[in-house]
C-alpha cells in the first residue's frame, strides 16, 4: 500500500504487510544506493504488527518508480547470491563423494 501526496509524487510511504526488519533493511540499503533518492528510512509501527513502513523521498522522480527499481535490483541480488551458493554446493559435492560427507541421507 502506498501513502503519499497527490500533489507530490516524489515522496511516499509504502506499507508492506507480513514483513519485518529483514526485508525492510535490505530495501532501505538498495534505495540509499540510488542517486535519485534524497531520503529513505523505515519503521515498524509496533513489534506485535507484521508491518513495515518504508519512506522514500526522491530528487524529483516518482517515488513509486524508484521503489519498483529498488525491488527489482534486490531481486537480482538475491538471484545472484542463490546462484553463487548453488554453484559452490555443486562444486563441493563433485569434489567429495557422498560417502565421505557427514550427512544422514535418510533424514529430511
PDB file of N, CA and C in Angstrom:
ATOM      1  N   UNK A   1       0.847  -1.170   0.000  1.00  0.00           N
ATOM      2  CA  UNK A   1       0.000   0.000   0.000  1.00  0.00           C
ATOM      3  C   UNK A   1       0.893   1.233   0.000  1.00  0.00           C
ATOM      4  N   UNK A   2       0.525   2.208  -0.800  1.00  0.00           N
ATOM      5  CA  UNK A   2       1.310   3.439  -0.891  1.00  0.00           C
ATOM      6  C   UNK A   2       0.532   4.581  -0.253  1.00  0.00           C
ATOM      7  N   UNK A   3       1.216   5.350   0.573  1.00  0.00           N
ATOM      8  CA  UNK A   3       0.632   6.550   1.166  1.00  0.00           C
ATOM      9  C   UNK A   3       1.485   7.717   0.695  1.00  0.00           C
ATOM     10  N   UNK A   4       0.860   8.701   0.120  1.00  0.00           N
ATOM     11  CA  UNK A   4       1.634   9.847  -0.357  1.00  0.00           C
ATOM     12  C   UNK A   4       0.731  10.988  -0.738  1.00  0.00           C
ATOM     13  N   UNK A   5       1.339  12.057  -1.113  1.00  0.00           N
ATOM     14  CA  UNK A   5       0.614  13.248  -1.525  1.00  0.00           C
ATOM     15  C   UNK A   5       0.230  13.131  -2.995  1.00  0.00           C
ATOM     16  N   UNK A   6      -0.961  13.523  -3.310  1.00  0.00           N
ATOM     17  CA  UNK A   6      -1.399  13.519  -4.706  1.00  0.00           C
ATOM     18  C   UNK A   6      -0.633  14.585  -5.488  1.00  0.00           C
ATOM     19  N   UNK A   7      -0.302  15.681  -4.832  1.00  0.00           N
ATOM     20  CA  UNK A   7       0.380  16.787  -5.495  1.00  0.00           C
ATOM     21  C   UNK A   7       1.878  16.525  -5.695  1.00  0.00           C
ATOM     22  N   UNK A   8       2.479  15.721  -4.817  1.00  0.00           N
ATOM     23  CA  UNK A   8       3.928  15.488  -4.880  1.00  0.00           C
ATOM     24  C   UNK A   8       4.199  13.983  -4.918  1.00  0.00           C
ATOM     25  N   UNK A   9       4.461  13.465  -6.105  1.00  0.00           N
ATOM     26  CA  UNK A   9       4.697  12.022  -6.245  1.00  0.00           C
ATOM     27  C   UNK A   9       6.147  11.633  -5.960  1.00  0.00           C
ATOM     28  N   UNK A  10       6.967  12.606  -5.580  1.00  0.00           N
ATOM     29  CA  UNK A  10       8.372  12.308  -5.299  1.00  0.00           C
ATOM     30  C   UNK A  10       8.597  11.848  -3.860  1.00  0.00           C
ATOM     31  N   UNK A  11       7.544  11.813  -3.050  1.00  0.00           N
ATOM     32  CA  UNK A  11       7.659  11.346  -1.667  1.00  0.00           C
ATOM     33  C   UNK A  11       6.464  10.463  -1.331  1.00  0.00           C
ATOM     34  N   UNK A  12       6.749   9.273  -0.851  1.00  0.00           N
ATOM     35  CA  UNK A  12       5.687   8.334  -0.483  1.00  0.00           C
ATOM     36  C   UNK A  12       6.155   7.439   0.650  1.00  0.00           C
ATOM     37  N   UNK A  13       5.170   6.914   1.367  1.00  0.00           N
ATOM     38  CA  UNK A  13       5.415   5.891   2.369  1.00  0.00           C
ATOM     39  C   UNK A  13       4.713   4.630   1.908  1.00  0.00           C
ATOM     40  N   UNK A  14       5.450   3.539   1.876  1.00  0.00           N
ATOM     41  CA  UNK A  14       4.910   2.256   1.431  1.00  0.00           C
ATOM     42  C   UNK A  14       4.750   1.356   2.647  1.00  0.00           C
ATOM     43  N   UNK A  15       3.545   0.836   2.841  1.00  0.00           N
ATOM     44  CA  UNK A  15       3.285  -0.102   3.932  1.00  0.00           C
ATOM     45  C   UNK A  15       3.329  -1.511   3.366  1.00  0.00           C
ATOM     46  N   UNK A  16       4.176  -2.339   3.947  1.00  0.00           N
ATOM     47  CA  UNK A  16       4.336  -3.715   3.493  1.00  0.00           C
ATOM     48  C   UNK A  16       3.889  -4.628   4.632  1.00  0.00           C
ATOM     49  N   UNK A  17       2.877  -5.431   4.368  1.00  0.00           N
ATOM     50  CA  UNK A  17       2.323  -6.320   5.385  1.00  0.00           C
ATOM     51  C   UNK A  17       3.106  -7.637   5.428  1.00  0.00           C
ATOM     52  N   UNK A  18       3.085  -8.270   6.583  1.00  0.00           N
ATOM     53  CA  UNK A  18       3.703  -9.581   6.807  1.00  0.00           C
ATOM     54  C   UNK A  18       5.218  -9.575   6.554  1.00  0.00           C
ATOM     55  N   UNK A  19       5.877  -8.469   6.844  1.00  0.00           N
ATOM     56  CA  UNK A  19       7.333  -8.377   6.697  1.00  0.00           C
ATOM     57  C   UNK A  19       7.930  -7.759   7.947  1.00  0.00           C
ATOM     58  N   UNK A  20       9.256  -7.844   8.042  1.00  0.00           N
ATOM     59  CA  UNK A  20       9.947  -7.326   9.224  1.00  0.00           C
ATOM     60  C   UNK A  20      11.261  -6.655   8.815  1.00  0.00           C
ATOM     61  N   UNK A  21      12.183  -6.556   9.768  1.00  0.00           N
ATOM     62  CA  UNK A  21      13.452  -5.863   9.522  1.00  0.00           C
ATOM     63  C   UNK A  21      14.264  -6.476   8.381  1.00  0.00           C
ATOM     64  N   UNK A  22      14.123  -7.768   8.160  1.00  0.00           N
ATOM     65  CA  UNK A  22      14.933  -8.435   7.144  1.00  0.00           C
ATOM     66  C   UNK A  22      14.726  -7.806   5.772  1.00  0.00           C
ATOM     67  N   UNK A  23      13.487  -7.725   5.342  1.00  0.00           N
ATOM     68  CA  UNK A  23      13.206  -7.122   4.041  1.00  0.00           C
ATOM     69  C   UNK A  23      13.390  -5.604   4.090  1.00  0.00           C
ATOM     70  N   UNK A  24      12.882  -4.973   5.134  1.00  0.00           N
ATOM     71  CA  UNK A  24      12.911  -3.511   5.211  1.00  0.00           C
ATOM     72  C   UNK A  24      14.331  -2.954   5.163  1.00  0.00           C
ATOM     73  N   UNK A  25      15.241  -3.557   5.895  1.00  0.00           N
ATOM     74  CA  UNK A  25      16.610  -3.057   5.917  1.00  0.00           C
ATOM     75  C   UNK A  25      17.291  -3.294   4.569  1.00  0.00           C
ATOM     76  N   UNK A  26      16.982  -4.408   3.926  1.00  0.00           N
ATOM     77  CA  UNK A  26      17.549  -4.687   2.600  1.00  0.00           C
ATOM     78  C   UNK A  26      17.054  -3.674   1.574  1.00  0.00           C
ATOM     79  N   UNK A  27      15.764  -3.385   1.597  1.00  0.00           N
ATOM     80  CA  UNK A  27      15.189  -2.403   0.667  1.00  0.00           C
ATOM     81  C   UNK A  27      15.769  -1.021   0.943  1.00  0.00           C
ATOM     82  N   UNK A  28      15.894  -0.679   2.215  1.00  0.00           N
ATOM     83  CA  UNK A  28      16.464   0.619   2.585  1.00  0.00           C
ATOM     84  C   UNK A  28      17.887   0.751   2.060  1.00  0.00           C
ATOM     85  N   UNK A  29      18.678  -0.311   2.201  1.00  0.00           N
ATOM     86  CA  UNK A  29      20.057  -0.300   1.720  1.00  0.00           C
ATOM     87  C   UNK A  29      20.108  -0.057   0.211  1.00  0.00           C
ATOM     88  N   UNK A  30      19.296  -0.797  -0.546  1.00  0.00           N
ATOM     89  CA  UNK A  30      19.302  -0.657  -2.006  1.00  0.00           C
ATOM     90  C   UNK A  30      18.814   0.734  -2.408  1.00  0.00           C
ATOM     91  N   UNK A  31      17.776   1.224  -1.757  1.00  0.00           N
ATOM     92  CA  UNK A  31      17.258   2.564  -2.082  1.00  0.00           C
ATOM     93  C   UNK A  31      18.321   3.635  -1.821  1.00  0.00           C
ATOM     94  N   UNK A  32      19.050   3.504  -0.730  1.00  0.00           N
ATOM     95  CA  UNK A  32      20.055   4.518  -0.405  1.00  0.00           C
ATOM     96  C   UNK A  32      21.248   4.494  -1.352  1.00  0.00           C
ATOM     97  N   UNK A  33      21.401   3.440  -2.145  1.00  0.00           N
ATOM     98  CA  UNK A  33      22.457   3.389  -3.160  1.00  0.00           C
ATOM     99  C   UNK A  33      22.057   4.141  -4.427  1.00  0.00           C
ATOM    100  N   UNK A  34      20.777   4.431  -4.578  1.00  0.00           N
ATOM    101  CA  UNK A  34      20.244   5.078  -5.784  1.00  0.00           C
ATOM    102  C   UNK A  34      20.437   6.594  -5.682  1.00  0.00           C
ATOM    103  N   UNK A  35      21.102   7.198  -6.658  1.00  0.00           N
ATOM    104  CA  UNK A  35      21.325   8.653  -6.601  1.00  0.00           C
ATOM    105  C   UNK A  35      20.041   9.470  -6.708  1.00  0.00           C
ATOM    106  N   UNK A  36      18.958   8.858  -7.141  1.00  0.00           N
ATOM    107  CA  UNK A  36      17.671   9.564  -7.222  1.00  0.00           C
ATOM    108  C   UNK A  36      16.997   9.710  -5.864  1.00  0.00           C
ATOM    109  N   UNK A  37      17.513   9.022  -4.846  1.00  0.00           N
ATOM    110  CA  UNK A  37      16.893   9.022  -3.517  1.00  0.00           C
ATOM    111  C   UNK A  37      17.529  10.088  -2.638  1.00  0.00           C
ATOM    112  N   UNK A  38      16.695  10.982  -2.139  1.00  0.00           N
ATOM    113  CA  UNK A  38      17.160  12.021  -1.217  1.00  0.00           C
ATOM    114  C   UNK A  38      17.093  11.525   0.230  1.00  0.00           C
ATOM    115  N   UNK A  39      16.075  10.727   0.539  1.00  0.00           N
ATOM    116  CA  UNK A  39      15.903  10.181   1.887  1.00  0.00           C
ATOM    117  C   UNK A  39      15.190   8.847   1.796  1.00  0.00           C
ATOM    118  N   UNK A  40      15.600   7.922   2.636  1.00  0.00           N
ATOM    119  CA  UNK A  40      14.910   6.652   2.751  1.00  0.00           C
ATOM    120  C   UNK A  40      15.091   6.141   4.170  1.00  0.00           C
ATOM    121  N   UNK A  41      14.020   5.649   4.725  1.00  0.00           N
ATOM    122  CA  UNK A  41      14.074   5.046   6.047  1.00  0.00           C
ATOM    123  C   UNK A  41      12.874   4.151   6.239  1.00  0.00           C
ATOM    124  N   UNK A  42      12.921   3.361   7.287  1.00  0.00           N
ATOM    125  CA  UNK A  42      11.759   2.506   7.553  1.00  0.00           C
ATOM    126  C   UNK A  42      11.465   2.471   9.039  1.00  0.00           C
ATOM    127  N   UNK A  43      10.238   2.105   9.347  1.00  0.00           N
ATOM    128  CA  UNK A  43       9.838   1.941  10.738  1.00  0.00           C
ATOM    129  C   UNK A  43       8.869   0.774  10.837  1.00  0.00           C
ATOM    130  N   UNK A  44       8.851   0.191  12.010  1.00  0.00           N
ATOM    131  CA  UNK A  44       7.875  -0.839  12.325  1.00  0.00           C
ATOM    132  C   UNK A  44       6.990  -0.227  13.405  1.00  0.00           C
ATOM    133  N   UNK A  45       5.715   0.022  13.069  1.00  0.00           N
ATOM    134  CA  UNK A  45       4.846   0.759  13.989  1.00  0.00           C
ATOM    135  C   UNK A  45       4.734   0.142  15.387  1.00  0.00           C
ATOM    136  N   UNK A  46       4.683  -1.192  15.455  1.00  0.00           N
ATOM    137  CA  UNK A  46       4.570  -1.866  16.743  1.00  0.00           C
ATOM    138  C   UNK A  46       5.185  -3.257  16.610  1.00  0.00           C
ATOM    139  N   UNK A  47       5.930  -3.694  17.613  1.00  0.00           N
ATOM    140  CA  UNK A  47       6.593  -5.002  17.499  1.00  0.00           C
ATOM    141  C   UNK A  47       5.634  -6.175  17.261  1.00  0.00           C
ATOM    142  N   UNK A  48       4.398  -6.043  17.696  1.00  0.00           N
ATOM    143  CA  UNK A  48       3.421  -7.124  17.509  1.00  0.00           C
ATOM    144  C   UNK A  48       2.833  -7.135  16.102  1.00  0.00           C
ATOM    145  N   UNK A  49       3.027  -6.048  15.357  1.00  0.00           N
ATOM    146  CA  UNK A  49       2.496  -5.971  13.995  1.00  0.00           C
ATOM    147  C   UNK A  49       3.537  -6.477  13.002  1.00  0.00           C
ATOM    148  N   UNK A  50       3.099  -7.301  12.063  1.00  0.00           N
ATOM    149  CA  UNK A  50       3.979  -7.719  10.969  1.00  0.00           C
ATOM    150  C   UNK A  50       3.785  -6.741   9.821  1.00  0.00           C
ATOM    151  N   UNK A  51       4.187  -5.508  10.067  1.00  0.00           N
ATOM    152  CA  UNK A  51       4.005  -4.440   9.086  1.00  0.00           C
ATOM    153  C   UNK A  51       5.217  -3.527   9.134  1.00  0.00           C
ATOM    154  N   UNK A  52       5.645  -3.094   7.947  1.00  0.00           N
ATOM    155  CA  UNK A  52       6.786  -2.194   7.835  1.00  0.00           C
ATOM    156  C   UNK A  52       6.372  -0.996   7.005  1.00  0.00           C
ATOM    157  N   UNK A  53       6.741   0.186   7.438  1.00  0.00           N
ATOM    158  CA  UNK A  53       6.525   1.407   6.659  1.00  0.00           C
ATOM    159  C   UNK A  53       7.884   1.864   6.117  1.00  0.00           C
ATOM    160  N   UNK A  54       7.965   1.980   4.793  1.00  0.00           N
ATOM    161  CA  UNK A  54       9.208   2.424   4.157  1.00  0.00           C
ATOM    162  C   UNK A  54       8.945   3.786   3.522  1.00  0.00           C
ATOM    163  N   UNK A  55       9.688   4.791   3.971  1.00  0.00           N
ATOM    164  CA  UNK A  55       9.532   6.159   3.476  1.00  0.00           C
ATOM    165  C   UNK A  55      10.600   6.425   2.420  1.00  0.00           C
ATOM    166  N   UNK A  56      10.161   6.940   1.269  1.00  0.00           N
ATOM    167  CA  UNK A  56      11.076   7.265   0.169  1.00  0.00           C
ATOM    168  C   UNK A  56      10.812   8.693  -0.279  1.00  0.00           C
ATOM    169  N   UNK A  57      11.866   9.503  -0.319  1.00  0.00           N
ATOM    170  CA  UNK A  57      11.789  10.849  -0.884  1.00  0.00           C
ATOM    171  C   UNK A  57      12.868  10.934  -1.945  1.00  0.00           C
ATOM    172  N   UNK A  58      12.467  11.354  -3.138  1.00  0.00           N
ATOM    173  CA  UNK A  58      13.402  11.381  -4.259  1.00  0.00           C
ATOM    174  C   UNK A  58      13.779  12.814  -4.617  1.00  0.00           C
ATOM    175  N   UNK A  59      14.701  12.922  -5.543  1.00  0.00           N
ATOM    176  CA  UNK A  59      15.150  14.230  -6.013  1.00  0.00           C
ATOM    177  C   UNK A  59      14.240  14.775  -7.114  1.00  0.00           C
ATOM    178  N   UNK A  60      13.176  14.060  -7.425  1.00  0.00           N
ATOM    179  CA  UNK A  60      12.241  14.527  -8.447  1.00  0.00           C
ATOM    180  C   UNK A  60      11.497  13.411  -9.145  1.00  0.00           C
ATOM    181  N   UNK A  61      12.095  12.228  -9.241  1.00  0.00           N
ATOM    182  CA  UNK A  61      11.434  11.082  -9.860  1.00  0.00           C
ATOM    183  C   UNK A  61      10.272  10.614  -8.984  1.00  0.00           C
ATOM    184  N   UNK A  62       9.365   9.876  -9.591  1.00  0.00           N
ATOM    185  CA  UNK A  62       8.247   9.338  -8.826  1.00  0.00           C
ATOM    186  C   UNK A  62       8.762   8.290  -7.843  1.00  0.00           C
ATOM    187  N   UNK A  63       8.369   8.424  -6.598  1.00  0.00           N
ATOM    188  CA  UNK A  63       8.828   7.507  -5.555  1.00  0.00           C
ATOM    189  C   UNK A  63       8.417   6.070  -5.875  1.00  0.00           C
ATOM    190  N   UNK A  64       7.248   5.902  -6.458  1.00  0.00           N
ATOM    191  CA  UNK A  64       6.763   4.567  -6.798  1.00  0.00           C
ATOM    192  C   UNK A  64       7.696   3.883  -7.798  1.00  0.00           C
ATOM    193  N   UNK A  65       8.166   4.628  -8.788  1.00  0.00           N
ATOM    194  CA  UNK A  65       9.067   4.062  -9.797  1.00  0.00           C
ATOM    195  C   UNK A  65      10.433   3.716  -9.193  1.00  0.00           C
ATOM    196  N   UNK A  66      10.921   4.575  -8.327  1.00  0.00           N
ATOM    197  CA  UNK A  66      12.215   4.337  -7.672  1.00  0.00           C
ATOM    198  C   UNK A  66      12.115   3.101  -6.777  1.00  0.00           C
ATOM    199  N   UNK A  67      10.990   2.962  -6.071  1.00  0.00           N
ATOM    200  CA  UNK A  67      10.776   1.791  -5.215  1.00  0.00           C
ATOM    201  C   UNK A  67      10.723   0.509  -6.052  1.00  0.00           C
ATOM    202  N   UNK A  68      10.029   0.545  -7.179  1.00  0.00           N
ATOM    203  CA  UNK A  68       9.966  -0.626  -8.060  1.00  0.00           C
ATOM    204  C   UNK A  68      11.358  -1.012  -8.549  1.00  0.00           C
ATOM    205  N   UNK A  69      12.151  -0.027  -8.943  1.00  0.00           N
ATOM    206  CA  UNK A  69      13.515  -0.290  -9.408  1.00  0.00           C
ATOM    207  C   UNK A  69      14.359  -0.918  -8.296  1.00  0.00           C
ATOM    208  N   UNK A  70      14.205  -0.409  -7.080  1.00  0.00           N
ATOM    209  CA  UNK A  70      14.975  -0.949  -5.952  1.00  0.00           C
ATOM    210  C   UNK A  70      14.589  -2.393  -5.674  1.00  0.00           C
ATOM    211  N   UNK A  71      13.302  -2.697  -5.741  1.00  0.00           N
ATOM    212  CA  UNK A  71      12.859  -4.066  -5.507  1.00  0.00           C
ATOM    213  C   UNK A  71      13.363  -5.004  -6.601  1.00  0.00           C
ATOM    214  N   UNK A  72      13.402  -4.523  -7.833  1.00  0.00           N
ATOM    215  CA  UNK A  72      13.960  -5.317  -8.933  1.00  0.00           C
ATOM    216  C   UNK A  72      15.445  -5.585  -8.697  1.00  0.00           C
ATOM    217  N   UNK A  73      16.182  -4.541  -8.292  1.00  0.00           N
ATOM    218  CA  UNK A  73      17.611  -4.691  -8.011  1.00  0.00           C
ATOM    219  C   UNK A  73      17.845  -5.699  -6.884  1.00  0.00           C
ATOM    220  N   UNK A  74      17.016  -5.627  -5.848  1.00  0.00           N
ATOM    221  CA  UNK A  74      17.143  -6.540  -4.719  1.00  0.00           C
ATOM    222  C   UNK A  74      16.861  -7.978  -5.155  1.00  0.00           C
ATOM    223  N   UNK A  75      15.891  -8.149  -6.029  1.00  0.00           N
ATOM    224  CA  UNK A  75      15.577  -9.478  -6.535  1.00  0.00           C
ATOM    225  C   UNK A  75      16.758 -10.044  -7.331  1.00  0.00           C
ATOM    226  N   UNK A  76      17.378  -9.208  -8.165  1.00  0.00           N
ATOM    227  CA  UNK A  76      18.546  -9.643  -8.942  1.00  0.00           C
ATOM    228  C   UNK A  76      19.691 -10.022  -8.003  1.00  0.00           C
ATOM    229  N   UNK A  77      19.904  -9.245  -6.943  1.00  0.00           N
ATOM    230  CA  UNK A  77      20.950  -9.565  -5.964  1.00  0.00           C
ATOM    231  C   UNK A  77      20.673 -10.920  -5.321  1.00  0.00           C
ATOM    232  N   UNK A  78      19.431 -11.152  -4.937  1.00  0.00           N
ATOM    233  CA  UNK A  78      19.061 -12.425  -4.325  1.00  0.00           C
ATOM    234  C   UNK A  78      19.285 -13.592  -5.268  1.00  0.00           C
ATOM    235  N   UNK A  79      18.946 -13.411  -6.543  1.00  0.00           N
ATOM    236  CA  UNK A  79      19.159 -14.460  -7.534  1.00  0.00           C
ATOM    237  C   UNK A  79      20.649 -14.742  -7.722  1.00  0.00           C
ATOM    238  N   UNK A  80      21.452 -13.697  -7.698  1.00  0.00           N
ATOM    239  CA  UNK A  80      22.903 -13.866  -7.824  1.00  0.00           C
ATOM    240  C   UNK A  80      23.462 -14.646  -6.633  1.00  0.00           C
ATOM    241  N   UNK A  81      23.042 -14.284  -5.436  1.00  0.00           N
ATOM    242  CA  UNK A  81      23.514 -14.964  -4.235  1.00  0.00           C
ATOM    243  C   UNK A  81      23.100 -16.436  -4.286  1.00  0.00           C
ATOM    244  N   UNK A  82      21.847 -16.690  -4.665  1.00  0.00           N
ATOM    245  CA  UNK A  82      21.366 -18.076  -4.738  1.00  0.00           C
ATOM    246  C   UNK A  82      22.151 -18.876  -5.781  1.00  0.00           C
ATOM    247  N   UNK A  83      22.379 -18.297  -6.937  1.00  0.00           N
ATOM    248  CA  UNK A  83      23.136 -18.968  -7.982  1.00  0.00           C
ATOM    249  C   UNK A  83      24.557 -19.266  -7.560  1.00  0.00           C
ATOM    250  N   UNK A  84      25.202 -18.308  -6.917  1.00  0.00           N
ATOM    251  CA  UNK A  84      26.571 -18.490  -6.435  1.00  0.00           C
ATOM    252  C   UNK A  84      26.624 -19.590  -5.377  1.00  0.00           C
ATOM    253  N   UNK A  85      25.655 -19.583  -4.477  1.00  0.00           N
ATOM    254  CA  UNK A  85      25.598 -20.603  -3.430  1.00  0.00           C
ATOM    255  C   UNK A  85      25.377 -21.995  -4.033  1.00  0.00           C
ATOM    256  N   UNK A  86      24.399 -22.104  -4.936  1.00  0.00           N
ATOM    257  CA  UNK A  86      24.113 -23.395  -5.574  1.00  0.00           C
ATOM    258  C   UNK A  86      25.327 -23.931  -6.324  1.00  0.00           C
ATOM    259  N   UNK A  87      26.048 -23.049  -6.997  1.00  0.00           N
ATOM    260  CA  UNK A  87      27.249 -23.472  -7.729  1.00  0.00           C
ATOM    261  C   UNK A  87      28.318 -23.954  -6.756  1.00  0.00           C
ATOM    262  N   UNK A  88      28.501 -23.246  -5.658  1.00  0.00           N
ATOM    263  CA  UNK A  88      29.508 -23.648  -4.667  1.00  0.00           C
ATOM    264  C   UNK A  88      29.158 -25.002  -4.052  1.00  0.00           C
ATOM    265  N   UNK A  89      27.878 -25.237  -3.782  1.00  0.00           N
ATOM    266  CA  UNK A  89      27.452 -26.529  -3.230  1.00  0.00           C
ATOM    267  C   UNK A  89      27.704 -27.637  -4.248  1.00  0.00           C
ATOM    268  N   UNK A  90      27.342 -27.390  -5.511  1.00  0.00           N
ATOM    269  CA  UNK A  90      27.556 -28.386  -6.560  1.00  0.00           C
ATOM    270  C   UNK A  90      29.043 -28.691  -6.729  1.00  0.00           C
ATOM    271  N   UNK A  91      29.881 -27.655  -6.700  1.00  0.00           N
ATOM    272  CA  UNK A  91      31.336 -27.851  -6.818  1.00  0.00           C
ATOM    273  C   UNK A  91      31.868 -28.675  -5.653  1.00  0.00           C
ATOM    274  N   UNK A  92      31.385 -28.368  -4.460  1.00  0.00           N
ATOM    275  CA  UNK A  92      31.821 -29.100  -3.269  1.00  0.00           C
ATOM    276  C   UNK A  92      31.428 -30.571  -3.365  1.00  0.00           C
ATOM    277  N   UNK A  93      30.173 -30.806  -3.757  1.00  0.00           N
ATOM    278  CA  UNK A  93      29.684 -32.181  -3.855  1.00  0.00           C
ATOM    279  C   UNK A  93      30.421 -32.964  -4.932  1.00  0.00           C
ATOM    280  N   UNK A  94      30.807 -32.309  -6.010  1.00  0.00           N
ATOM    281  CA  UNK A  94      31.500 -33.008  -7.089  1.00  0.00           C
ATOM    282  C   UNK A  94      32.929 -33.388  -6.700  1.00  0.00           C
ATOM    283  N   UNK A  95      33.499 -32.690  -5.733  1.00  0.00           N
ATOM    284  CA  UNK A  95      34.877 -32.958  -5.312  1.00  0.00           C
ATOM    285  C   UNK A  95      34.956 -33.952  -4.162  1.00  0.00           C
ATOM    286  N   UNK A  96      33.816 -34.167  -3.495  1.00  0.00           N
ATOM    287  CA  UNK A  96      33.816 -35.072  -2.346  1.00  0.00           C
ATOM    288  C   UNK A  96      32.657 -36.056  -2.488  1.00  0.00           C
ATOM    289  N   UNK A  97      32.952 -37.352  -2.539  1.00  0.00           N
ATOM    290  CA  UNK A  97      31.878 -38.342  -2.647  1.00  0.00           C
ATOM    291  C   UNK A  97      30.946 -38.285  -1.433  1.00  0.00           C
ATOM    292  N   UNK A  98      29.699 -38.599  -1.649  1.00  0.00           N
ATOM    293  CA  UNK A  98      28.692 -38.534  -0.584  1.00  0.00           C
ATOM    294  C   UNK A  98      29.060 -39.432   0.594  1.00  0.00           C
ATOM    295  N   UNK A  99      29.758 -40.552   0.329  1.00  0.00           N
ATOM    296  CA  UNK A  99      30.122 -41.470   1.410  1.00  0.00           C
ATOM    297  C   UNK A  99      31.051 -40.802   2.427  1.00  0.00           C
ATOM    298  N   UNK A 100      31.841 -39.837   1.971  1.00  0.00           N
ATOM    299  CA  UNK A 100      32.796 -39.171   2.860  1.00  0.00           C
ATOM    300  C   UNK A 100      32.178 -37.991   3.610  1.00  0.00           C
ATOM    301  N   UNK A 101      31.018 -37.532   3.166  1.00  0.00           N
ATOM    302  CA  UNK A 101      30.357 -36.415   3.839  1.00  0.00           C
ATOM    303  C   UNK A 101      29.665 -36.896   5.102  1.00  0.00           C
ATOM    304  N   UNK A 102      29.634 -36.066   6.095  1.00  0.00           N
ATOM    305  CA  UNK A 102      28.945 -36.382   7.344  1.00  0.00           C
ATOM    306  C   UNK A 102      27.492 -35.946   7.217  1.00  0.00           C
ATOM    307  N   UNK A 103      26.726 -36.716   6.414  1.00  0.00           N
ATOM    308  CA  UNK A 103      25.351 -36.346   6.115  1.00  0.00           C
ATOM    309  C   UNK A 103      24.476 -37.580   6.275  1.00  0.00           C
ATOM    310  N   UNK A 104      23.350 -37.437   6.960  1.00  0.00           N
ATOM    311  CA  UNK A 104      22.379 -38.523   7.076  1.00  0.00           C
ATOM    312  C   UNK A 104      21.388 -38.384   5.943  1.00  0.00           C
ATOM    313  N   UNK A 105      21.514 -39.188   4.912  1.00  0.00           N
ATOM    314  CA  UNK A 105      20.676 -39.059   3.712  1.00  0.00           C
ATOM    315  C   UNK A 105      19.236 -39.501   3.956  1.00  0.00           C
ATOM    316  N   UNK A 106      18.972 -40.215   5.065  1.00  0.00           N
ATOM    317  CA  UNK A 106      17.613 -40.680   5.364  1.00  0.00           C
ATOM    318  C   UNK A 106      16.797 -39.644   6.117  1.00  0.00           C
ATOM    319  N   UNK A 107      17.441 -38.630   6.577  1.00  0.00           N
ATOM    320  CA  UNK A 107      16.771 -37.611   7.387  1.00  0.00           C
ATOM    321  C   UNK A 107      16.441 -36.391   6.522  1.00  0.00           C
ATOM    322  N   UNK A 108      15.226 -35.868   6.653  1.00  0.00           N
ATOM    323  CA  UNK A 108      14.852 -34.691   5.876  1.00  0.00           C
ATOM    324  C   UNK A 108      14.344 -33.601   6.737  1.00  0.00           C
TER     325      UNK A 108
END
